[in-house]
Amino acid sequence: AGEGLDVERRGTRAGHQYNLLGHI
């Protein structure tokens, strides 16, 4: 909990915070 990776996506510039919870 709370350790996801903050990433930049298109919505980031609109104030949307993206926290990636895993990637394979």
PDB file of all heavy atoms in Angstrom:
ATOM      1  N   ALA A   1       0.832  -1.199   0.000  1.00  0.00           N
ATOM      2  CA  ALA A   1       0.000   0.000   0.000  1.00  0.00           C
ATOM      3  C   ALA A   1       0.871   1.255   0.000  1.00  0.00           C
ATOM      4  O   ALA A   1       1.801   1.377   0.798  1.00  0.00           O
ATOM      5  CB  ALA A   1      -0.926  -0.002   1.215  1.00  0.00           C
ATOM      6  N   GLY A   2       0.574   2.161  -0.912  1.00  0.00           N
ATOM      7  CA  GLY A   2       1.303   3.428  -0.987  1.00  0.00           C
ATOM      8  C   GLY A   2       2.633   3.353  -1.689  1.00  0.00           C
ATOM      9  O   GLY A   2       3.351   4.353  -1.756  1.00  0.00           O
ATOM     10  N   GLU A   3       2.999   2.180  -2.237  1.00  0.00           N
ATOM     11  CA  GLU A   3       4.313   2.035  -2.855  1.00  0.00           C
ATOM     12  C   GLU A   3       4.244   1.905  -4.376  1.00  0.00           C
ATOM     13  O   GLU A   3       5.218   1.525  -5.010  1.00  0.00           O
ATOM     14  CB  GLU A   3       5.035   0.810  -2.266  1.00  0.00           C
ATOM     15  CG  GLU A   3       5.381   0.965  -0.797  1.00  0.00           C
ATOM     16  CD  GLU A   3       6.164  -0.210  -0.253  1.00  0.00           C
ATOM     17  OE1 GLU A   3       6.486  -1.121  -1.050  1.00  0.00           O
ATOM     18  OE2 GLU A   3       6.460  -0.230   0.957  1.00  0.00           O
ATOM     19  N   GLY A   4       3.091   2.200  -4.971  1.00  0.00           N
ATOM     20  CA  GLY A   4       2.994   2.160  -6.424  1.00  0.00           C
ATOM     21  C   GLY A   4       3.862   3.233  -7.059  1.00  0.00           C
ATOM     22  O   GLY A   4       4.277   4.204  -6.414  1.00  0.00           O
ATOM     23  N   LEU A   5       4.148   3.066  -8.337  1.00  0.00           N
ATOM     24  CA  LEU A   5       5.033   3.989  -9.041  1.00  0.00           C
ATOM     25  C   LEU A   5       4.235   5.102  -9.690  1.00  0.00           C
ATOM     26  O   LEU A   5       3.324   4.855 -10.491  1.00  0.00           O
ATOM     27  CB  LEU A   5       5.820   3.224 -10.115  1.00  0.00           C
ATOM     28  CG  LEU A   5       6.739   4.057 -11.010  1.00  0.00           C
ATOM     29  CD1 LEU A   5       7.882   4.654 -10.191  1.00  0.00           C
ATOM     30  CD2 LEU A   5       7.289   3.195 -12.150  1.00  0.00           C
ATOM     31  N   ASP A   6       4.557   6.358  -9.342  1.00  0.00           N
ATOM     32  CA  ASP A   6       3.915   7.490 -10.005  1.00  0.00           C
ATOM     33  C   ASP A   6       4.436   7.584 -11.431  1.00  0.00           C
ATOM     34  O   ASP A   6       5.648   7.572 -11.661  1.00  0.00           O
ATOM     35  CB  ASP A   6       4.217   8.800  -9.268  1.00  0.00           C
ATOM     36  CG  ASP A   6       3.492   8.892  -7.930  1.00  0.00           C
ATOM     37  OD1 ASP A   6       2.424   8.264  -7.809  1.00  0.00           O
ATOM     38  OD2 ASP A   6       3.993   9.578  -7.022  1.00  0.00           O
ATOM     39  N   VAL A   7       3.520   7.675 -12.394  1.00  0.00           N
ATOM     40  CA  VAL A   7       3.921   7.733 -13.794  1.00  0.00           C
ATOM     41  C   VAL A   7       3.266   8.913 -14.489  1.00  0.00           C
ATOM     42  O   VAL A   7       2.270   9.471 -14.018  1.00  0.00           O
ATOM     43  CB  VAL A   7       3.543   6.421 -14.535  1.00  0.00           C
ATOM     44  CG1 VAL A   7       4.266   5.238 -13.938  1.00  0.00           C
ATOM     45  CG2 VAL A   7       2.042   6.200 -14.507  1.00  0.00           C
ATOM     46  N   GLU A   8       3.846   9.283 -15.607  1.00  0.00           N
ATOM     47  CA  GLU A   8       3.317  10.373 -16.421  1.00  0.00           C
ATOM     48  C   GLU A   8       2.470   9.798 -17.547  1.00  0.00           C
ATOM     49  O   GLU A   8       2.941   8.984 -18.329  1.00  0.00           O
ATOM     50  CB  GLU A   8       4.470  11.203 -17.020  1.00  0.00           C
ATOM     51  CG  GLU A   8       5.275  11.988 -16.005  1.00  0.00           C
ATOM     52  CD  GLU A   8       4.561  13.241 -15.535  1.00  0.00           C
ATOM     53  OE1 GLU A   8       3.745  13.778 -16.318  1.00  0.00           O
ATOM     54  OE2 GLU A   8       4.815  13.679 -14.407  1.00  0.00           O
ATOM     55  N   ARG A   9       1.223  10.195 -17.611  1.00  0.00           N
ATOM     56  CA  ARG A   9       0.349   9.853 -18.726  1.00  0.00           C
ATOM     57  C   ARG A   9      -0.327  11.129 -19.203  1.00  0.00           C
ATOM     58  O   ARG A   9      -0.171  12.189 -18.603  1.00  0.00           O
ATOM     59  CB  ARG A   9      -0.690   8.799 -18.314  1.00  0.00           C
ATOM     60  CG  ARG A   9      -0.096   7.392 -18.175  1.00  0.00           C
ATOM     61  CD  ARG A   9      -1.169   6.370 -17.859  1.00  0.00           C
ATOM     62  NE  ARG A   9      -2.096   6.169 -18.957  1.00  0.00           N
ATOM     63  CZ  ARG A   9      -1.934   5.250 -19.908  1.00  0.00           C
ATOM     64  NH1 ARG A   9      -0.877   4.466 -19.894  1.00  0.00           N
ATOM     65  NH2 ARG A   9      -2.825   5.117 -20.866  1.00  0.00           N
ATOM     66  N   ARG A  10      -1.104  11.009 -20.274  1.00  0.00           N
ATOM     67  CA  ARG A  10      -1.713  12.207 -20.857  1.00  0.00           C
ATOM     68  C   ARG A  10      -2.532  12.987 -19.841  1.00  0.00           C
ATOM     69  O   ARG A  10      -2.555  14.206 -19.842  1.00  0.00           O
ATOM     70  CB  ARG A  10      -2.614  11.811 -22.033  1.00  0.00           C
ATOM     71  CG  ARG A  10      -1.852  11.435 -23.285  1.00  0.00           C
ATOM     72  CD  ARG A  10      -2.813  11.021 -24.375  1.00  0.00           C
ATOM     73  NE  ARG A  10      -3.814  12.044 -24.630  1.00  0.00           N
ATOM     74  CZ  ARG A  10      -4.978  11.812 -25.236  1.00  0.00           C
ATOM     75  NH1 ARG A  10      -5.284  10.582 -25.589  1.00  0.00           N
ATOM     76  NH2 ARG A  10      -5.822  12.789 -25.459  1.00  0.00           N
ATOM     77  N   GLY A  11      -3.236  12.281 -18.960  1.00  0.00           N
ATOM     78  CA  GLY A  11      -4.097  12.961 -18.005  1.00  0.00           C
ATOM     79  C   GLY A  11      -3.349  13.681 -16.910  1.00  0.00           C
ATOM     80  O   GLY A  11      -3.933  14.481 -16.184  1.00  0.00           O
ATOM     81  N   THR A  12      -2.047  13.433 -16.770  1.00  0.00           N
ATOM     82  CA  THR A  12      -1.270  14.052 -15.697  1.00  0.00           C
ATOM     83  C   THR A  12      -1.305  15.569 -15.786  1.00  0.00           C
ATOM     84  O   THR A  12      -1.379  16.266 -14.779  1.00  0.00           O
ATOM     85  CB  THR A  12       0.195  13.563 -15.752  1.00  0.00           C
ATOM     86  OG1 THR A  12       0.209  12.142 -15.722  1.00  0.00           O
ATOM     87  CG2 THR A  12       0.982  14.095 -14.567  1.00  0.00           C
ATOM     88  N   ARG A  13      -1.291  16.083 -17.022  1.00  0.00           N
ATOM     89  CA  ARG A  13      -1.285  17.541 -17.188  1.00  0.00           C
ATOM     90  C   ARG A  13      -2.625  18.163 -16.790  1.00  0.00           C
ATOM     91  O   ARG A  13      -2.725  19.369 -16.621  1.00  0.00           O
ATOM     92  CB  ARG A  13      -0.969  17.889 -18.643  1.00  0.00           C
ATOM     93  CG  ARG A  13      -2.012  17.424 -19.643  1.00  0.00           C
ATOM     94  CD  ARG A  13      -1.494  17.571 -21.048  1.00  0.00           C
ATOM     95  NE  ARG A  13      -2.486  17.189 -22.046  1.00  0.00           N
ATOM     96  CZ  ARG A  13      -2.182  16.831 -23.279  1.00  0.00           C
ATOM     97  NH1 ARG A  13      -0.932  16.798 -23.663  1.00  0.00           N
ATOM     98  NH2 ARG A  13      -3.136  16.517 -24.131  1.00  0.00           N
ATOM     99  N   ALA A  14      -3.659  17.331 -16.642  1.00  0.00           N
ATOM    100  CA  ALA A  14      -4.956  17.831 -16.206  1.00  0.00           C
ATOM    101  C   ALA A  14      -5.157  17.614 -14.711  1.00  0.00           C
ATOM    102  O   ALA A  14      -6.269  17.731 -14.210  1.00  0.00           O
ATOM    103  CB  ALA A  14      -6.072  17.147 -16.993  1.00  0.00           C
ATOM    104  N   GLY A  15      -4.085  17.281 -14.003  1.00  0.00           N
ATOM    105  CA  GLY A  15      -4.177  17.099 -12.564  1.00  0.00           C
ATOM    106  C   GLY A  15      -4.601  15.717 -12.138  1.00  0.00           C
ATOM    107  O   GLY A  15      -5.026  15.516 -11.002  1.00  0.00           O
ATOM    108  N   HIS A  16      -4.499  14.731 -13.039  1.00  0.00           N
ATOM    109  CA  HIS A  16      -4.829  13.347 -12.690  1.00  0.00           C
ATOM    110  C   HIS A  16      -3.551  12.640 -12.238  1.00  0.00           C
ATOM    111  O   HIS A  16      -2.576  12.597 -12.970  1.00  0.00           O
ATOM    112  CB  HIS A  16      -5.409  12.607 -13.909  1.00  0.00           C
ATOM    113  CG  HIS A  16      -6.695  13.188 -14.402  1.00  0.00           C
ATOM    114  ND1 HIS A  16      -7.558  12.492 -15.219  1.00  0.00           N
ATOM    115  CD2 HIS A  16      -7.268  14.403 -14.211  1.00  0.00           C
ATOM    116  CE1 HIS A  16      -8.604  13.249 -15.505  1.00  0.00           C
ATOM    117  NE2 HIS A  16      -8.440  14.405 -14.911  1.00  0.00           N
ATOM    118  N   GLN A  17      -3.573  12.101 -11.033  1.00  0.00           N
ATOM    119  CA  GLN A  17      -2.405  11.397 -10.514  1.00  0.00           C
ATOM    120  C   GLN A  17      -2.513   9.907 -10.831  1.00  0.00           C
ATOM    121  O   GLN A  17      -3.455   9.238 -10.455  1.00  0.00           O
ATOM    122  CB  GLN A  17      -2.301  11.586  -9.001  1.00  0.00           C
ATOM    123  CG  GLN A  17      -1.113  10.846  -8.391  1.00  0.00           C
ATOM    124  CD  GLN A  17      -1.092  10.947  -6.879  1.00  0.00           C
ATOM    125  OE1 GLN A  17      -1.797  11.764  -6.299  1.00  0.00           O
ATOM    126  NE2 GLN A  17      -0.286  10.119  -6.239  1.00  0.00           N
ATOM    127  N   TYR A  18      -1.505   9.380 -11.548  1.00  0.00           N
ATOM    128  CA  TYR A  18      -1.489   7.973 -11.942  1.00  0.00           C
ATOM    129  C   TYR A  18      -0.467   7.220 -11.096  1.00  0.00           C
ATOM    130  O   TYR A  18       0.710   7.564 -11.086  1.00  0.00           O
ATOM    131  CB  TYR A  18      -1.112   7.824 -13.415  1.00  0.00           C
ATOM    132  CG  TYR A  18      -2.195   8.243 -14.362  1.00  0.00           C
ATOM    133  CD1 TYR A  18      -2.386   9.586 -14.680  1.00  0.00           C
ATOM    134  CD2 TYR A  18      -3.033   7.305 -14.952  1.00  0.00           C
ATOM    135  CE1 TYR A  18      -3.393   9.979 -15.547  1.00  0.00           C
ATOM    136  CE2 TYR A  18      -4.034   7.683 -15.831  1.00  0.00           C
ATOM    137  CZ  TYR A  18      -4.210   9.025 -16.115  1.00  0.00           C
ATOM    138  OH  TYR A  18      -5.195   9.412 -16.978  1.00  0.00           O
ATOM    139  N   ASN A  19      -0.938   6.200 -10.408  1.00  0.00           N
ATOM    140  CA  ASN A  19      -0.080   5.369  -9.581  1.00  0.00           C
ATOM    141  C   ASN A  19      -0.106   3.954 -10.160  1.00  0.00           C
ATOM    142  O   ASN A  19      -1.094   3.242 -10.020  1.00  0.00           O
ATOM    143  CB  ASN A  19      -0.604   5.380  -8.146  1.00  0.00           C
ATOM    144  CG  ASN A  19       0.461   5.029  -7.130  1.00  0.00           C
ATOM    145  OD1 ASN A  19       0.290   4.102  -6.371  1.00  0.00           O
ATOM    146  ND2 ASN A  19       1.554   5.768  -7.099  1.00  0.00           N
ATOM    147  N   LEU A  20       0.978   3.552 -10.830  1.00  0.00           N
ATOM    148  CA  LEU A  20       1.047   2.237 -11.460  1.00  0.00           C
ATOM    149  C   LEU A  20       1.220   1.171 -10.389  1.00  0.00           C
ATOM    150  O   LEU A  20       2.158   1.206  -9.611  1.00  0.00           O
ATOM    151  CB  LEU A  20       2.203   2.187 -12.462  1.00  0.00           C
ATOM    152  CG  LEU A  20       2.366   0.891 -13.264  1.00  0.00           C
ATOM    153  CD1 LEU A  20       1.148   0.637 -14.137  1.00  0.00           C
ATOM    154  CD2 LEU A  20       3.621   0.969 -14.136  1.00  0.00           C
ATOM    155  N   LEU A  21       0.307   0.180 -10.365  1.00  0.00           N
ATOM    156  CA  LEU A  21       0.304  -0.842  -9.319  1.00  0.00           C
ATOM    157  C   LEU A  21       1.030  -2.116  -9.717  1.00  0.00           C
ATOM    158  O   LEU A  21       1.087  -3.066  -8.937  1.00  0.00           O
ATOM    159  CB  LEU A  21      -1.141  -1.167  -8.929  1.00  0.00           C
ATOM    160  CG  LEU A  21      -1.967   0.009  -8.403  1.00  0.00           C
ATOM    161  CD1 LEU A  21      -3.371  -0.449  -8.045  1.00  0.00           C
ATOM    162  CD2 LEU A  21      -1.291   0.638  -7.190  1.00  0.00           C
ATOM    163  N   GLY A  22       1.589  -2.168 -10.907  1.00  0.00           N
ATOM    164  CA  GLY A  22       2.321  -3.348 -11.343  1.00  0.00           C
ATOM    165  C   GLY A  22       2.390  -3.398 -12.854  1.00  0.00           C
ATOM    166  O   GLY A  22       1.536  -2.849 -13.545  1.00  0.00           O
ATOM    167  N   HIS A  23       3.449  -4.045 -13.352  1.00  0.00           N
ATOM    168  CA  HIS A  23       3.596  -4.167 -14.799  1.00  0.00           C
ATOM    169  C   HIS A  23       4.424  -5.403 -15.119  1.00  0.00           C
ATOM    170  O   HIS A  23       5.479  -5.627 -14.529  1.00  0.00           O
ATOM    171  CB  HIS A  23       4.289  -2.928 -15.371  1.00  0.00           C
ATOM    172  CG  HIS A  23       4.492  -2.999 -16.858  1.00  0.00           C
ATOM    173  ND1 HIS A  23       3.484  -2.725 -17.755  1.00  0.00           N
ATOM    174  CD2 HIS A  23       5.577  -3.337 -17.592  1.00  0.00           C
ATOM    175  CE1 HIS A  23       3.954  -2.883 -18.990  1.00  0.00           C
ATOM    176  NE2 HIS A  23       5.220  -3.253 -18.912  1.00  0.00           N
ATOM    177  N   ILE A  24       3.899  -6.229 -16.018  1.00  0.00           N
ATOM    178  CA  ILE A  24       4.627  -7.384 -16.527  1.00  0.00           C
ATOM    179  C   ILE A  24       4.707  -7.236 -18.030  1.00  0.00           C
ATOM    180  O   ILE A  24       3.681  -7.129 -18.702  1.00  0.00           O
ATOM    181  CB  ILE A  24       3.923  -8.710 -16.157  1.00  0.00           C
ATOM    182  CG1 ILE A  24       3.917  -8.888 -14.627  1.00  0.00           C
ATOM    183  CG2 ILE A  24       4.621  -9.893 -16.819  1.00  0.00           C
ATOM    184  CD1 ILE A  24       3.171 -10.124 -14.158  1.00  0.00           C
TER     185      ILE A  24
END
